[in-house]
Amino acid sequence: MTNTNTASEVDVIIGSNIRRIREFSGVSERGLAKAVGISWSQMKKCEDGARRISAGSLFAVDRALNCSIDEFWRGIDLGEATGRTKLR
């Protein structure tokens, strides 16, 4: 089994999950952007998958939406990627 998602597909999935959680929480795109410390247009690009969201911003989104960070990874096929990663 191999990882079937490309980096850009992962960005789209994470962005889509952010939008889904934000809308479910009743938070506006502008309100979330302000809470994260980025512009509204940057948040829109993140939600659209056109801009990769940084780990720090993803953590800020997690805190602003009061959700589990695992929710952002829903729908991503990790395949064997986690088994092959080795740190030296």
N, C-alpha and C. Protein backbone atom coordinates (compact mmCIF):
# COMPACT_ATOMS: atom_id res chain seq x y z
N MET A 1 0.85 -1.18 0.00
CA MET A 1 0.00 0.00 0.00
C MET A 1 0.89 1.24 0.00
N THR A 2 0.52 2.23 -0.77
CA THR A 2 1.29 3.46 -0.83
C THR A 2 0.40 4.65 -0.53
N ASN A 3 1.03 5.77 -0.27
CA ASN A 3 0.30 7.01 -0.01
C ASN A 3 -0.35 7.46 -1.31
N THR A 4 -1.67 7.60 -1.32
CA THR A 4 -2.38 7.93 -2.55
C THR A 4 -2.71 9.41 -2.68
N ASN A 5 -2.40 10.23 -1.67
CA ASN A 5 -2.67 11.66 -1.75
C ASN A 5 -1.39 12.42 -2.07
N THR A 6 -1.48 13.37 -3.01
CA THR A 6 -0.35 14.25 -3.27
C THR A 6 -0.40 15.40 -2.28
N ALA A 7 0.70 16.15 -2.20
CA ALA A 7 0.75 17.28 -1.27
C ALA A 7 -0.38 18.27 -1.54
N SER A 8 -0.63 18.58 -2.81
CA SER A 8 -1.68 19.55 -3.11
C SER A 8 -3.07 19.00 -2.76
N GLU A 9 -3.28 17.69 -2.93
CA GLU A 9 -4.56 17.10 -2.54
C GLU A 9 -4.75 17.18 -1.03
N VAL A 10 -3.69 16.99 -0.28
CA VAL A 10 -3.75 17.08 1.17
C VAL A 10 -4.12 18.50 1.59
N ASP A 11 -3.54 19.51 0.93
CA ASP A 11 -3.88 20.90 1.23
C ASP A 11 -5.36 21.17 0.99
N VAL A 12 -5.91 20.62 -0.08
CA VAL A 12 -7.33 20.80 -0.40
C VAL A 12 -8.20 20.11 0.65
N ILE A 13 -7.83 18.91 1.07
CA ILE A 13 -8.61 18.18 2.07
C ILE A 13 -8.58 18.90 3.41
N ILE A 14 -7.39 19.34 3.84
CA ILE A 14 -7.28 20.05 5.11
C ILE A 14 -8.09 21.35 5.06
N GLY A 15 -7.97 22.08 3.96
CA GLY A 15 -8.73 23.32 3.80
C GLY A 15 -10.23 23.08 3.84
N SER A 16 -10.66 22.02 3.17
CA SER A 16 -12.08 21.67 3.16
C SER A 16 -12.56 21.31 4.57
N ASN A 17 -11.72 20.61 5.31
CA ASN A 17 -12.08 20.25 6.68
C ASN A 17 -12.14 21.48 7.58
N ILE A 18 -11.23 22.42 7.38
CA ILE A 18 -11.28 23.67 8.15
C ILE A 18 -12.60 24.38 7.88
N ARG A 19 -12.97 24.48 6.60
CA ARG A 19 -14.23 25.15 6.24
C ARG A 19 -15.42 24.43 6.87
N ARG A 20 -15.45 23.11 6.78
CA ARG A 20 -16.56 22.32 7.33
C ARG A 20 -16.70 22.56 8.83
N ILE A 21 -15.60 22.50 9.55
CA ILE A 21 -15.63 22.69 11.01
C ILE A 21 -16.01 24.13 11.35
N ARG A 22 -15.46 25.09 10.60
CA ARG A 22 -15.76 26.50 10.84
C ARG A 22 -17.24 26.77 10.65
N GLU A 23 -17.80 26.29 9.55
CA GLU A 23 -19.22 26.51 9.28
C GLU A 23 -20.09 25.82 10.33
N PHE A 24 -19.73 24.60 10.72
CA PHE A 24 -20.47 23.89 11.75
C PHE A 24 -20.45 24.65 13.07
N SER A 25 -19.32 25.31 13.34
CA SER A 25 -19.16 26.07 14.58
C SER A 25 -19.83 27.44 14.53
N GLY A 26 -20.27 27.85 13.34
CA GLY A 26 -20.93 29.15 13.19
C GLY A 26 -19.96 30.33 13.21
N VAL A 27 -18.72 30.08 12.83
CA VAL A 27 -17.69 31.12 12.82
C VAL A 27 -17.53 31.62 11.39
N SER A 28 -17.45 32.93 11.22
CA SER A 28 -17.25 33.49 9.88
C SER A 28 -15.80 33.30 9.44
N GLU A 29 -15.59 33.36 8.13
CA GLU A 29 -14.23 33.26 7.59
C GLU A 29 -13.37 34.42 8.11
N ARG A 30 -13.95 35.60 8.14
CA ARG A 30 -13.22 36.77 8.65
C ARG A 30 -12.90 36.64 10.14
N GLY A 31 -13.87 36.11 10.90
CA GLY A 31 -13.65 35.92 12.33
C GLY A 31 -12.55 34.92 12.61
N LEU A 32 -12.52 33.83 11.85
CA LEU A 32 -11.47 32.83 12.02
C LEU A 32 -10.12 33.40 11.63
N ALA A 33 -10.08 34.12 10.51
CA ALA A 33 -8.83 34.72 10.06
C ALA A 33 -8.27 35.65 11.13
N LYS A 34 -9.14 36.45 11.74
CA LYS A 34 -8.70 37.38 12.79
C LYS A 34 -8.15 36.62 13.99
N ALA A 35 -8.84 35.54 14.38
CA ALA A 35 -8.40 34.74 15.52
C ALA A 35 -7.06 34.07 15.27
N VAL A 36 -6.81 33.72 14.02
CA VAL A 36 -5.56 33.04 13.65
C VAL A 36 -4.43 34.04 13.42
N GLY A 37 -4.79 35.28 13.09
CA GLY A 37 -3.78 36.30 12.85
C GLY A 37 -3.33 36.39 11.40
N ILE A 38 -4.23 35.98 10.50
CA ILE A 38 -3.94 36.11 9.07
C ILE A 38 -5.08 36.88 8.42
N SER A 39 -4.87 37.32 7.18
CA SER A 39 -5.90 38.09 6.49
C SER A 39 -7.03 37.17 6.03
N TRP A 40 -8.18 37.80 5.76
CA TRP A 40 -9.32 37.05 5.26
C TRP A 40 -8.97 36.35 3.95
N SER A 41 -8.25 37.03 3.07
CA SER A 41 -7.92 36.42 1.78
C SER A 41 -6.97 35.23 1.94
N GLN A 42 -6.06 35.30 2.92
CA GLN A 42 -5.18 34.16 3.18
C GLN A 42 -5.99 32.97 3.69
N MET A 43 -6.96 33.24 4.57
CA MET A 43 -7.80 32.16 5.10
C MET A 43 -8.61 31.53 3.98
N LYS A 44 -9.14 32.35 3.09
CA LYS A 44 -9.91 31.82 1.96
C LYS A 44 -9.04 30.90 1.11
N LYS A 45 -7.81 31.32 0.83
CA LYS A 45 -6.89 30.49 0.04
C LYS A 45 -6.57 29.19 0.76
N CYS A 46 -6.43 29.23 2.09
CA CYS A 46 -6.18 28.00 2.86
C CYS A 46 -7.37 27.06 2.75
N GLU A 47 -8.57 27.60 2.91
CA GLU A 47 -9.77 26.77 2.84
C GLU A 47 -9.98 26.20 1.44
N ASP A 48 -9.54 26.92 0.42
CA ASP A 48 -9.67 26.45 -0.96
C ASP A 48 -8.56 25.48 -1.35
N GLY A 49 -7.53 25.37 -0.50
CA GLY A 49 -6.39 24.49 -0.80
C GLY A 49 -5.37 25.13 -1.71
N ALA A 50 -5.53 26.43 -1.99
CA ALA A 50 -4.60 27.14 -2.87
C ALA A 50 -3.37 27.62 -2.12
N ARG A 51 -3.45 27.62 -0.79
CA ARG A 51 -2.34 28.06 0.05
C ARG A 51 -2.18 27.04 1.17
N ARG A 52 -0.95 26.61 1.38
CA ARG A 52 -0.66 25.66 2.44
C ARG A 52 -0.70 26.38 3.78
N ILE A 53 -1.39 25.82 4.75
CA ILE A 53 -1.48 26.43 6.07
C ILE A 53 -0.32 25.92 6.93
N SER A 54 0.29 26.83 7.66
CA SER A 54 1.44 26.45 8.50
C SER A 54 0.96 25.68 9.72
N ALA A 55 1.87 24.97 10.35
CA ALA A 55 1.54 24.21 11.55
C ALA A 55 1.06 25.16 12.66
N GLY A 56 1.71 26.29 12.79
CA GLY A 56 1.31 27.26 13.82
C GLY A 56 -0.08 27.80 13.58
N SER A 57 -0.40 28.10 12.31
CA SER A 57 -1.74 28.59 11.99
C SER A 57 -2.78 27.50 12.17
N LEU A 58 -2.42 26.26 11.84
CA LEU A 58 -3.35 25.15 12.02
C LEU A 58 -3.66 24.96 13.51
N PHE A 59 -2.65 25.13 14.34
CA PHE A 59 -2.85 25.05 15.79
C PHE A 59 -3.77 26.18 16.26
N ALA A 60 -3.59 27.38 15.70
CA ALA A 60 -4.44 28.51 16.06
C ALA A 60 -5.88 28.27 15.61
N VAL A 61 -6.07 27.66 14.44
CA VAL A 61 -7.41 27.32 13.96
C VAL A 61 -8.05 26.32 14.92
N ASP A 62 -7.29 25.33 15.32
CA ASP A 62 -7.77 24.33 16.27
C ASP A 62 -8.27 24.98 17.55
N ARG A 63 -7.50 25.91 18.08
CA ARG A 63 -7.89 26.59 19.33
C ARG A 63 -9.11 27.49 19.10
N ALA A 64 -9.14 28.20 17.98
CA ALA A 64 -10.25 29.11 17.70
C ALA A 64 -11.57 28.37 17.50
N LEU A 65 -11.50 27.18 16.91
CA LEU A 65 -12.71 26.41 16.64
C LEU A 65 -13.01 25.38 17.73
N ASN A 66 -12.10 25.26 18.70
CA ASN A 66 -12.28 24.35 19.83
C ASN A 66 -12.63 22.93 19.36
N CYS A 67 -11.76 22.39 18.51
CA CYS A 67 -11.99 21.06 17.97
C CYS A 67 -10.73 20.22 18.14
N SER A 68 -10.83 18.96 17.81
CA SER A 68 -9.67 18.07 17.83
C SER A 68 -8.85 18.30 16.56
N ILE A 69 -7.55 18.42 16.71
CA ILE A 69 -6.69 18.64 15.54
C ILE A 69 -6.78 17.46 14.56
N ASP A 70 -7.17 16.29 15.07
CA ASP A 70 -7.35 15.12 14.20
C ASP A 70 -8.41 15.34 13.15
N GLU A 71 -9.38 16.21 13.43
CA GLU A 71 -10.47 16.48 12.48
C GLU A 71 -9.95 17.05 11.16
N PHE A 72 -8.82 17.76 11.19
CA PHE A 72 -8.29 18.36 9.97
C PHE A 72 -7.75 17.30 9.01
N TRP A 73 -7.41 16.13 9.52
CA TRP A 73 -6.83 15.06 8.70
C TRP A 73 -7.87 14.10 8.16
N ARG A 74 -9.14 14.29 8.53
CA ARG A 74 -10.20 13.39 8.07
C ARG A 74 -10.23 13.35 6.55
N GLY A 75 -10.21 12.13 5.99
CA GLY A 75 -10.28 11.95 4.55
C GLY A 75 -8.94 11.83 3.86
N ILE A 76 -7.85 11.88 4.62
CA ILE A 76 -6.51 11.76 4.03
C ILE A 76 -6.05 10.33 4.17
N ASP A 77 -5.66 9.73 3.05
CA ASP A 77 -5.17 8.36 3.04
C ASP A 77 -3.66 8.39 3.29
N LEU A 78 -3.27 7.95 4.47
CA LEU A 78 -1.85 7.96 4.82
C LEU A 78 -1.11 6.75 4.25
N GLY A 79 -1.83 5.71 3.90
CA GLY A 79 -1.19 4.52 3.36
C GLY A 79 -0.10 4.02 4.27
N GLU A 80 1.04 3.69 3.70
CA GLU A 80 2.18 3.22 4.48
C GLU A 80 3.14 4.34 4.82
N ALA A 81 2.81 5.55 4.52
CA ALA A 81 3.72 6.67 4.72
C ALA A 81 4.24 6.74 6.13
N THR A 82 3.40 6.50 7.12
CA THR A 82 3.85 6.60 8.51
C THR A 82 4.80 5.47 8.86
N GLY A 83 4.68 4.34 8.20
CA GLY A 83 5.58 3.21 8.48
C GLY A 83 6.94 3.38 7.87
N ARG A 84 7.07 4.19 6.85
CA ARG A 84 8.35 4.35 6.15
C ARG A 84 9.15 5.54 6.63
N THR A 85 8.55 6.40 7.40
CA THR A 85 9.25 7.60 7.84
C THR A 85 10.22 7.27 8.95
N LYS A 86 11.48 7.60 8.78
CA LYS A 86 12.48 7.35 9.80
C LYS A 86 13.28 8.62 10.05
N LEU A 87 13.45 8.95 11.29
CA LEU A 87 14.27 10.10 11.66
C LEU A 87 15.67 9.62 11.97
N ARG A 88 16.64 10.42 11.61
CA ARG A 88 18.03 10.05 11.89
C ARG A 88 18.66 11.08 12.77
